[in-house]
Amino acid sequence: MSGYLPLTLSGTDYLELLPVHWRHVNEYGITIDHRTYDDDALPHGERSTVAEQGGRWEVHYDPYDLSHVYVRTPAGWITAAWTHLPIVSAPFADFTWRHARRMAAARGLPDDNETEVARVLDELLTRAGNGPQNKATARVAARTRAARRRVLPEAQVIDLPTPAPAPGAGPAPVEPFGLFDVDAEAERWL
């Protein structure tokens, strides 16, 4: 018999499971797919101690939220923000970034210019937040706005008396669970 003990992942475990890029940390930060990430705590210009990676640093990223990357250093994890994050109005995924680059190229803008792609990305996310605009959706949006303006009757507030705590009552004592003994459990069922 064998089993497993389900455990909740910690924040560090979550970072460990994210996809990895190995990158140099330059004076301006880290570049991944024409996006630049930077933070004052990054080891700018320093080489990583991981010899197999040629001085590059281990950079983890969430493909569904590219607003930050996470760099593993000997001191711990450093979170570096995208340098053009103030331009963009909402979180964005990797496929959204690639689509914004294609849209920029279709408009004749350079798809490797981070600022131009960030502006196109913000426009795309803003339009997506507003939803498609045709007669049917415009009608639904108007009805929704009208429904929000409708005055609802005020809720009645009922004051319930709060019970007074018993004198000398404190928190209940904590009784820990015992450890699970696989051998004892197996003997019980045999």
C-alpha atoms as a PDB file:
ATOM      1  CA  MET A   1       0.000   0.000   0.000  1.00  0.00           C
ATOM      2  CA  SER A   2       1.088   3.500  -0.620  1.00  0.00           C
ATOM      3  CA  GLY A   3      -0.527   6.844  -0.324  1.00  0.00           C
ATOM      4  CA  TYR A   4       0.165  10.512  -0.342  1.00  0.00           C
ATOM      5  CA  LEU A   5      -0.406  13.454   1.884  1.00  0.00           C
ATOM      6  CA  PRO A   6      -2.027  16.371   0.023  1.00  0.00           C
ATOM      7  CA  LEU A   7      -0.330  19.621   0.959  1.00  0.00           C
ATOM      8  CA  THR A   8      -1.127  23.187   0.051  1.00  0.00           C
ATOM      9  CA  LEU A   9       1.534  24.814  -2.106  1.00  0.00           C
ATOM     10  CA  SER A  10       3.392  27.736  -0.604  1.00  0.00           C
ATOM     11  CA  GLY A  11       4.242  30.858  -2.563  1.00  0.00           C
ATOM     12  CA  THR A  12       7.760  29.546  -3.146  1.00  0.00           C
ATOM     13  CA  ASP A  13       6.393  26.239  -4.432  1.00  0.00           C
ATOM     14  CA  TYR A  14       4.179  28.165  -6.859  1.00  0.00           C
ATOM     15  CA  LEU A  15       7.183  30.120  -8.168  1.00  0.00           C
ATOM     16  CA  GLU A  16       9.186  26.907  -8.585  1.00  0.00           C
ATOM     17  CA  LEU A  17       6.494  25.453 -10.854  1.00  0.00           C
ATOM     18  CA  LEU A  18       6.322  28.438 -13.222  1.00  0.00           C
ATOM     19  CA  PRO A  19       8.070  28.285 -16.633  1.00  0.00           C
ATOM     20  CA  VAL A  20      11.725  29.353 -16.673  1.00  0.00           C
ATOM     21  CA  HIS A  21      13.926  31.519 -18.891  1.00  0.00           C
ATOM     22  CA  TRP A  22      17.662  31.886 -18.267  1.00  0.00           C
ATOM     23  CA  ARG A  23      18.634  35.532 -18.820  1.00  0.00           C
ATOM     24  CA  HIS A  24      21.465  37.966 -18.133  1.00  0.00           C
ATOM     25  CA  VAL A  25      20.616  40.864 -15.827  1.00  0.00           C
ATOM     26  CA  ASN A  26      21.898  43.900 -17.712  1.00  0.00           C
ATOM     27  CA  GLU A  27      22.156  47.483 -16.491  1.00  0.00           C
ATOM     28  CA  TYR A  28      18.614  48.129 -17.752  1.00  0.00           C
ATOM     29  CA  GLY A  29      17.166  44.870 -16.345  1.00  0.00           C
ATOM     30  CA  ILE A  30      15.961  41.669 -18.002  1.00  0.00           C
ATOM     31  CA  THR A  31      14.510  41.352 -21.501  1.00  0.00           C
ATOM     32  CA  ILE A  32      12.045  38.584 -22.405  1.00  0.00           C
ATOM     33  CA  ASP A  33      10.148  38.599 -25.721  1.00  0.00           C
ATOM     34  CA  HIS A  34      10.674  42.359 -26.280  1.00  0.00           C
ATOM     35  CA  ARG A  35       9.555  43.203 -22.715  1.00  0.00           C
ATOM     36  CA  THR A  36      11.951  44.734 -20.167  1.00  0.00           C
ATOM     37  CA  TYR A  37      11.679  43.983 -16.448  1.00  0.00           C
ATOM     38  CA  ASP A  38      13.610  45.834 -13.769  1.00  0.00           C
ATOM     39  CA  ASP A  39      13.914  46.316 -10.019  1.00  0.00           C
ATOM     40  CA  ASP A  40      16.520  48.049  -7.847  1.00  0.00           C
ATOM     41  CA  ALA A  41      17.209  44.779  -5.998  1.00  0.00           C
ATOM     42  CA  LEU A  42      18.253  42.917  -9.178  1.00  0.00           C
ATOM     43  CA  PRO A  43      21.953  42.036  -9.472  1.00  0.00           C
ATOM     44  CA  HIS A  44      22.567  44.390 -12.423  1.00  0.00           C
ATOM     45  CA  GLY A  45      25.640  43.441 -14.428  1.00  0.00           C
ATOM     46  CA  GLU A  46      26.531  40.503 -12.160  1.00  0.00           C
ATOM     47  CA  ARG A  47      26.967  36.941 -13.337  1.00  0.00           C
ATOM     48  CA  SER A  48      24.982  34.071 -11.870  1.00  0.00           C
ATOM     49  CA  THR A  49      26.805  31.402  -9.882  1.00  0.00           C
ATOM     50  CA  VAL A  50      25.178  28.651 -11.975  1.00  0.00           C
ATOM     51  CA  ALA A  51      28.141  27.652 -14.151  1.00  0.00           C
ATOM     52  CA  GLU A  52      26.084  25.484 -16.545  1.00  0.00           C
ATOM     53  CA  GLN A  53      24.048  28.520 -17.622  1.00  0.00           C
ATOM     54  CA  GLY A  54      26.977  30.757 -18.565  1.00  0.00           C
ATOM     55  CA  GLY A  55      26.343  33.429 -15.948  1.00  0.00           C
ATOM     56  CA  ARG A  56      22.640  33.777 -16.737  1.00  0.00           C
ATOM     57  CA  TRP A  57      20.034  34.036 -13.974  1.00  0.00           C
ATOM     58  CA  GLU A  58      17.006  31.795 -13.450  1.00  0.00           C
ATOM     59  CA  VAL A  59      13.908  33.869 -14.284  1.00  0.00           C
ATOM     60  CA  HIS A  60      10.421  32.417 -13.692  1.00  0.00           C
ATOM     61  CA  TYR A  61       7.302  33.955 -15.243  1.00  0.00           C
ATOM     62  CA  ASP A  62       3.557  33.397 -15.168  1.00  0.00           C
ATOM     63  CA  PRO A  63       2.344  33.062 -18.794  1.00  0.00           C
ATOM     64  CA  TYR A  64      -1.102  34.325 -17.719  1.00  0.00           C
ATOM     65  CA  ASP A  65       0.230  37.452 -15.980  1.00  0.00           C
ATOM     66  CA  LEU A  66       3.307  38.937 -17.632  1.00  0.00           C
ATOM     67  CA  SER A  67       3.331  42.070 -15.481  1.00  0.00           C
ATOM     68  CA  HIS A  68       6.118  40.630 -13.273  1.00  0.00           C
ATOM     69  CA  VAL A  69       8.933  38.084 -13.391  1.00  0.00           C
ATOM     70  CA  TYR A  70      10.635  36.341 -10.499  1.00  0.00           C
ATOM     71  CA  VAL A  71      14.431  36.041 -10.355  1.00  0.00           C
ATOM     72  CA  ARG A  72      16.119  33.458  -8.141  1.00  0.00           C
ATOM     73  CA  THR A  73      19.204  34.817  -6.405  1.00  0.00           C
ATOM     74  CA  PRO A  74      21.291  33.313  -3.593  1.00  0.00           C
ATOM     75  CA  ALA A  75      19.493  35.700  -1.206  1.00  0.00           C
ATOM     76  CA  GLY A  76      16.022  34.571  -2.369  1.00  0.00           C
ATOM     77  CA  TRP A  77      13.419  35.549  -4.930  1.00  0.00           C
ATOM     78  CA  ILE A  78      13.293  39.047  -6.411  1.00  0.00           C
ATOM     79  CA  THR A  79      10.137  40.275  -8.139  1.00  0.00           C
ATOM     80  CA  ALA A  80      10.832  42.545 -11.096  1.00  0.00           C
ATOM     81  CA  ALA A  81       8.007  44.566 -12.680  1.00  0.00           C
ATOM     82  CA  TRP A  82       7.557  45.243 -16.373  1.00  0.00           C
ATOM     83  CA  THR A  83       8.913  48.725 -17.069  1.00  0.00           C
ATOM     84  CA  HIS A  84       5.887  49.712 -19.205  1.00  0.00           C
ATOM     85  CA  LEU A  85       3.309  48.462 -16.698  1.00  0.00           C
ATOM     86  CA  PRO A  86       1.927  51.987 -15.967  1.00  0.00           C
ATOM     87  CA  ILE A  87       0.832  52.264 -19.627  1.00  0.00           C
ATOM     88  CA  VAL A  88      -1.303  49.096 -19.565  1.00  0.00           C
ATOM     89  CA  SER A  89      -4.701  49.168 -17.846  1.00  0.00           C
ATOM     90  CA  ALA A  90      -5.141  45.450 -17.034  1.00  0.00           C
ATOM     91  CA  PRO A  91      -3.193  42.222 -16.545  1.00  0.00           C
ATOM     92  CA  PHE A  92      -2.301  40.419 -19.755  1.00  0.00           C
ATOM     93  CA  ALA A  93      -1.217  36.965 -20.853  1.00  0.00           C
ATOM     94  CA  ASP A  94       1.482  35.764 -23.210  1.00  0.00           C
ATOM     95  CA  PHE A  95      -0.985  35.159 -26.065  1.00  0.00           C
ATOM     96  CA  THR A  96      -2.374  38.695 -25.578  1.00  0.00           C
ATOM     97  CA  TRP A  97       1.126  40.165 -25.856  1.00  0.00           C
ATOM     98  CA  ARG A  98       1.805  38.215 -29.058  1.00  0.00           C
ATOM     99  CA  HIS A  99      -1.535  39.402 -30.514  1.00  0.00           C
ATOM    100  CA  ALA A 100      -0.708  43.021 -29.649  1.00  0.00           C
ATOM    101  CA  ARG A 101       2.643  42.656 -31.439  1.00  0.00           C
ATOM    102  CA  ARG A 102       0.848  41.329 -34.544  1.00  0.00           C
ATOM    103  CA  MET A 103      -1.625  44.237 -34.367  1.00  0.00           C
ATOM    104  CA  ALA A 104       1.237  46.725 -34.098  1.00  0.00           C
ATOM    105  CA  ALA A 105       2.944  45.197 -37.139  1.00  0.00           C
ATOM    106  CA  ALA A 106      -0.347  45.290 -39.092  1.00  0.00           C
ATOM    107  CA  ARG A 107      -0.588  49.044 -38.354  1.00  0.00           C
ATOM    108  CA  GLY A 108       2.914  49.596 -39.667  1.00  0.00           C
ATOM    109  CA  LEU A 109       4.393  50.093 -36.206  1.00  0.00           C
ATOM    110  CA  PRO A 110       7.609  48.280 -35.271  1.00  0.00           C
ATOM    111  CA  ASP A 111       6.604  45.146 -33.366  1.00  0.00           C
ATOM    112  CA  ASP A 112       9.898  45.193 -31.464  1.00  0.00           C
ATOM    113  CA  ASN A 113       9.284  48.706 -30.047  1.00  0.00           C
ATOM    114  CA  GLU A 114       8.127  47.986 -26.503  1.00  0.00           C
ATOM    115  CA  THR A 115       6.401  51.336 -25.971  1.00  0.00           C
ATOM    116  CA  GLU A 116       4.367  51.122 -29.192  1.00  0.00           C
ATOM    117  CA  VAL A 117       3.321  47.531 -28.476  1.00  0.00           C
ATOM    118  CA  ALA A 118       2.380  48.537 -24.906  1.00  0.00           C
ATOM    119  CA  ARG A 119       0.072  51.255 -26.291  1.00  0.00           C
ATOM    120  CA  VAL A 120      -1.534  48.792 -28.712  1.00  0.00           C
ATOM    121  CA  LEU A 121      -1.879  46.281 -25.852  1.00  0.00           C
ATOM    122  CA  ASP A 122      -3.605  48.857 -23.634  1.00  0.00           C
ATOM    123  CA  GLU A 123      -6.006  49.735 -26.456  1.00  0.00           C
ATOM    124  CA  LEU A 124      -6.721  46.033 -27.003  1.00  0.00           C
ATOM    125  CA  LEU A 125      -7.358  45.390 -23.297  1.00  0.00           C
ATOM    126  CA  THR A 126      -9.564  48.473 -22.982  1.00  0.00           C
ATOM    127  CA  ARG A 127     -11.626  47.395 -25.987  1.00  0.00           C
ATOM    128  CA  ALA A 128     -11.891  43.866 -24.594  1.00  0.00           C
ATOM    129  CA  GLY A 129     -13.071  45.263 -21.253  1.00  0.00           C
ATOM    130  CA  ASN A 130     -15.836  47.191 -22.971  1.00  0.00           C
ATOM    131  CA  GLY A 131     -16.946  44.190 -24.996  1.00  0.00           C
ATOM    132  CA  PRO A 132     -17.978  44.032 -28.636  1.00  0.00           C
ATOM    133  CA  GLN A 133     -19.993  46.981 -29.889  1.00  0.00           C
ATOM    134  CA  ASN A 134     -22.966  46.063 -32.053  1.00  0.00           C
ATOM    135  CA  LYS A 135     -26.659  46.913 -31.696  1.00  0.00           C
ATOM    136  CA  ALA A 136     -27.480  43.909 -29.512  1.00  0.00           C
ATOM    137  CA  THR A 137     -24.638  44.482 -27.054  1.00  0.00           C
ATOM    138  CA  ALA A 138     -25.268  48.227 -27.006  1.00  0.00           C
ATOM    139  CA  ARG A 139     -28.907  47.501 -26.059  1.00  0.00           C
ATOM    140  CA  VAL A 140     -27.823  45.117 -23.283  1.00  0.00           C
ATOM    141  CA  ALA A 141     -25.297  47.655 -22.001  1.00  0.00           C
ATOM    142  CA  ALA A 142     -27.982  50.375 -21.976  1.00  0.00           C
ATOM    143  CA  ARG A 143     -30.370  48.114 -20.066  1.00  0.00           C
ATOM    144  CA  THR A 144     -27.628  47.305 -17.564  1.00  0.00           C
ATOM    145  CA  ARG A 145     -26.890  50.994 -17.007  1.00  0.00           C
ATOM    146  CA  ALA A 146     -30.620  51.692 -16.609  1.00  0.00           C
ATOM    147  CA  ALA A 147     -31.010  48.862 -14.125  1.00  0.00           C
ATOM    148  CA  ARG A 148     -28.171  50.268 -12.040  1.00  0.00           C
ATOM    149  CA  ARG A 149     -29.903  53.642 -11.899  1.00  0.00           C
ATOM    150  CA  ARG A 150     -33.161  52.133 -10.663  1.00  0.00           C
ATOM    151  CA  VAL A 151     -33.820  53.153  -7.069  1.00  0.00           C
ATOM    152  CA  LEU A 152     -34.188  50.168  -4.806  1.00  0.00           C
ATOM    153  CA  PRO A 153     -36.051  50.385  -1.500  1.00  0.00           C
ATOM    154  CA  GLU A 154     -33.758  50.783   1.464  1.00  0.00           C
ATOM    155  CA  ALA A 155     -33.077  47.645   3.419  1.00  0.00           C
ATOM    156  CA  GLN A 156     -34.418  47.485   6.924  1.00  0.00           C
ATOM    157  CA  VAL A 157     -31.733  47.181   9.551  1.00  0.00           C
ATOM    158  CA  ILE A 158     -32.620  45.136  12.580  1.00  0.00           C
ATOM    159  CA  ASP A 159     -30.395  45.556  15.605  1.00  0.00           C
ATOM    160  CA  LEU A 160     -29.881  42.244  17.329  1.00  0.00           C
ATOM    161  CA  PRO A 161     -28.546  42.289  20.861  1.00  0.00           C
ATOM    162  CA  THR A 162     -25.051  40.873  21.092  1.00  0.00           C
ATOM    163  CA  PRO A 163     -24.639  38.355  23.877  1.00  0.00           C
ATOM    164  CA  ALA A 164     -22.200  39.348  26.585  1.00  0.00           C
ATOM    165  CA  PRO A 165     -19.202  37.044  26.938  1.00  0.00           C
ATOM    166  CA  ALA A 166     -19.153  34.776  29.972  1.00  0.00           C
ATOM    167  CA  PRO A 167     -16.813  36.022  32.684  1.00  0.00           C
ATOM    168  CA  GLY A 168     -13.377  34.399  32.464  1.00  0.00           C
ATOM    169  CA  ALA A 169     -14.174  32.843  29.074  1.00  0.00           C
ATOM    170  CA  GLY A 170     -11.258  32.807  26.683  1.00  0.00           C
ATOM    171  CA  PRO A 171     -10.482  30.952  23.539  1.00  0.00           C
ATOM    172  CA  ALA A 172     -11.116  27.232  23.584  1.00  0.00           C
ATOM    173  CA  PRO A 173      -8.029  25.041  24.034  1.00  0.00           C
ATOM    174  CA  VAL A 174      -6.513  23.673  20.851  1.00  0.00           C
ATOM    175  CA  GLU A 175      -6.349  19.903  20.584  1.00  0.00           C
ATOM    176  CA  PRO A 176      -3.893  18.807  17.883  1.00  0.00           C
ATOM    177  CA  PHE A 177      -4.582  15.890  15.590  1.00  0.00           C
ATOM    178  CA  GLY A 178      -2.451  12.813  16.037  1.00  0.00           C
ATOM    179  CA  LEU A 179      -0.019  11.683  13.367  1.00  0.00           C
ATOM    180  CA  PHE A 180      -1.195   9.153  10.812  1.00  0.00           C
ATOM    181  CA  ASP A 181       0.627   5.853  11.349  1.00  0.00           C
ATOM    182  CA  VAL A 182       0.539   3.792   8.140  1.00  0.00           C
ATOM    183  CA  ASP A 183       1.706   0.557   9.826  1.00  0.00           C
ATOM    184  CA  ALA A 184      -0.860   0.777  12.627  1.00  0.00           C
ATOM    185  CA  GLU A 185      -3.618   1.513  10.119  1.00  0.00           C
ATOM    186  CA  ALA A 186      -2.587  -1.471   7.966  1.00  0.00           C
ATOM    187  CA  GLU A 187      -2.613  -3.783  11.020  1.00  0.00           C
ATOM    188  CA  ARG A 188      -6.071  -2.566  11.921  1.00  0.00           C
ATOM    189  CA  TRP A 189      -7.439  -3.646   8.527  1.00  0.00           C
ATOM    190  CA  LEU A 190      -5.665  -7.023   8.311  1.00  0.00           C
END
